[in-house]
Amino acid sequence: IPHLDYNTNIRLEASWGAAKDILNRHMPMDECIDHLLILQRTAADKHNYKSRRAGIRYNNTYNEEMQILA
């Protein structure tokens, strides 16, 4: 993706690589979706851990602000 920052491209490619390691073309669709949901949940858990650990400041009203924008 040419308009994104270099680091963003690397993160996107790494996440696609993780998906490619788990998925293959001969899997049934429901199994593919299950694996993708597991990857998504793992990423969300890692993000929550990093953002909520001691010593990290975060915006408590972030979700409220995003709801206003939506």
C-alpha atoms as a PDB file:
ATOM      1  CA  ILE A   1       0.000   0.000   0.000  1.00  0.00           C
ATOM      2  CA  PRO A   2       1.994   2.998  -1.232  1.00  0.00           C
ATOM      3  CA  HIS A   3       0.276   5.729   0.792  1.00  0.00           C
ATOM      4  CA  LEU A   4       0.883   4.161   4.212  1.00  0.00           C
ATOM      5  CA  ASP A   5       4.000   4.529   6.313  1.00  0.00           C
ATOM      6  CA  TYR A   6       6.773   1.954   5.876  1.00  0.00           C
ATOM      7  CA  ASN A   7       6.210   0.493   9.372  1.00  0.00           C
ATOM      8  CA  THR A   8       2.502   0.139   8.703  1.00  0.00           C
ATOM      9  CA  ASN A   9       3.232  -1.838   5.542  1.00  0.00           C
ATOM     10  CA  ILE A  10       5.529  -4.165   7.475  1.00  0.00           C
ATOM     11  CA  ARG A  11       2.856  -4.772  10.137  1.00  0.00           C
ATOM     12  CA  LEU A  12       0.215  -5.474   7.491  1.00  0.00           C
ATOM     13  CA  GLU A  13       2.479  -7.907   5.658  1.00  0.00           C
ATOM     14  CA  ALA A  14       3.376  -9.637   8.924  1.00  0.00           C
ATOM     15  CA  SER A  15      -0.270 -10.114   9.825  1.00  0.00           C
ATOM     16  CA  TRP A  16      -1.034 -11.516   6.371  1.00  0.00           C
ATOM     17  CA  GLY A  17       1.929 -13.844   6.800  1.00  0.00           C
ATOM     18  CA  ALA A  18       0.474 -15.118  10.077  1.00  0.00           C
ATOM     19  CA  ALA A  19      -2.861 -15.751   8.351  1.00  0.00           C
ATOM     20  CA  LYS A  20      -1.174 -17.546   5.455  1.00  0.00           C
ATOM     21  CA  ASP A  21       0.658 -19.816   7.921  1.00  0.00           C
ATOM     22  CA  ILE A  22      -2.652 -20.967   9.407  1.00  0.00           C
ATOM     23  CA  LEU A  23      -4.935 -21.011   6.365  1.00  0.00           C
ATOM     24  CA  ASN A  24      -4.760 -23.073   3.207  1.00  0.00           C
ATOM     25  CA  ARG A  25      -6.908 -23.256   0.105  1.00  0.00           C
ATOM     26  CA  HIS A  26      -8.338 -26.678   0.923  1.00  0.00           C
ATOM     27  CA  MET A  27      -9.884 -25.706   4.282  1.00  0.00           C
ATOM     28  CA  PRO A  28     -13.650 -25.428   4.631  1.00  0.00           C
ATOM     29  CA  MET A  29     -14.958 -21.868   4.962  1.00  0.00           C
ATOM     30  CA  ASP A  30     -16.150 -22.286   8.561  1.00  0.00           C
ATOM     31  CA  GLU A  31     -12.725 -23.510   9.627  1.00  0.00           C
ATOM     32  CA  CYS A  32     -11.067 -20.525   7.907  1.00  0.00           C
ATOM     33  CA  ILE A  33     -13.386 -18.131   9.718  1.00  0.00           C
ATOM     34  CA  ASP A  34     -12.665 -19.826  13.052  1.00  0.00           C
ATOM     35  CA  HIS A  35      -8.921 -19.441  12.512  1.00  0.00           C
ATOM     36  CA  LEU A  36      -9.261 -15.795  11.487  1.00  0.00           C
ATOM     37  CA  LEU A  37     -11.361 -15.067  14.568  1.00  0.00           C
ATOM     38  CA  ILE A  38      -8.708 -16.689  16.750  1.00  0.00           C
ATOM     39  CA  LEU A  39      -6.024 -14.500  15.150  1.00  0.00           C
ATOM     40  CA  GLN A  40      -8.165 -11.400  15.656  1.00  0.00           C
ATOM     41  CA  ARG A  41      -8.892 -12.264  19.287  1.00  0.00           C
ATOM     42  CA  THR A  42      -5.216 -12.905  19.983  1.00  0.00           C
ATOM     43  CA  ALA A  43      -4.277  -9.528  18.495  1.00  0.00           C
ATOM     44  CA  ALA A  44      -6.995  -7.794  20.537  1.00  0.00           C
ATOM     45  CA  ASP A  45      -5.806  -9.500  23.731  1.00  0.00           C
ATOM     46  CA  LYS A  46      -2.210  -8.421  23.071  1.00  0.00           C
ATOM     47  CA  HIS A  47      -3.339  -4.846  22.433  1.00  0.00           C
ATOM     48  CA  ASN A  48      -5.445  -4.773  25.615  1.00  0.00           C
ATOM     49  CA  TYR A  49      -2.558  -6.137  27.657  1.00  0.00           C
ATOM     50  CA  LYS A  50      -0.111  -3.561  26.291  1.00  0.00           C
ATOM     51  CA  SER A  51      -2.480  -0.624  26.661  1.00  0.00           C
ATOM     52  CA  ARG A  52      -3.724  -1.445  30.167  1.00  0.00           C
ATOM     53  CA  ARG A  53      -0.557  -2.499  31.952  1.00  0.00           C
ATOM     54  CA  ALA A  54       0.850  -0.393  34.782  1.00  0.00           C
ATOM     55  CA  GLY A  55       2.705   2.720  33.705  1.00  0.00           C
ATOM     56  CA  ILE A  56       0.800   3.173  30.443  1.00  0.00           C
ATOM     57  CA  ARG A  57      -1.485   6.179  30.091  1.00  0.00           C
ATOM     58  CA  TYR A  58      -4.541   5.846  27.911  1.00  0.00           C
ATOM     59  CA  ASN A  59      -7.598   7.934  27.106  1.00  0.00           C
ATOM     60  CA  ASN A  60     -10.605   6.673  29.099  1.00  0.00           C
ATOM     61  CA  THR A  61     -13.034   8.534  26.830  1.00  0.00           C
ATOM     62  CA  TYR A  62     -11.655   7.154  23.553  1.00  0.00           C
ATOM     63  CA  ASN A  63     -14.656   4.882  22.880  1.00  0.00           C
ATOM     64  CA  GLU A  64     -17.099   7.692  23.656  1.00  0.00           C
ATOM     65  CA  GLU A  65     -15.264  10.016  21.252  1.00  0.00           C
ATOM     66  CA  MET A  66     -15.311   7.366  18.528  1.00  0.00           C
ATOM     67  CA  GLN A  67     -19.057   6.817  19.024  1.00  0.00           C
ATOM     68  CA  ILE A  68     -19.640  10.536  18.496  1.00  0.00           C
ATOM     69  CA  LEU A  69     -17.678  10.397  15.230  1.00  0.00           C
ATOM     70  CA  ALA A  70     -19.532   7.313  13.972  1.00  0.00           C
END
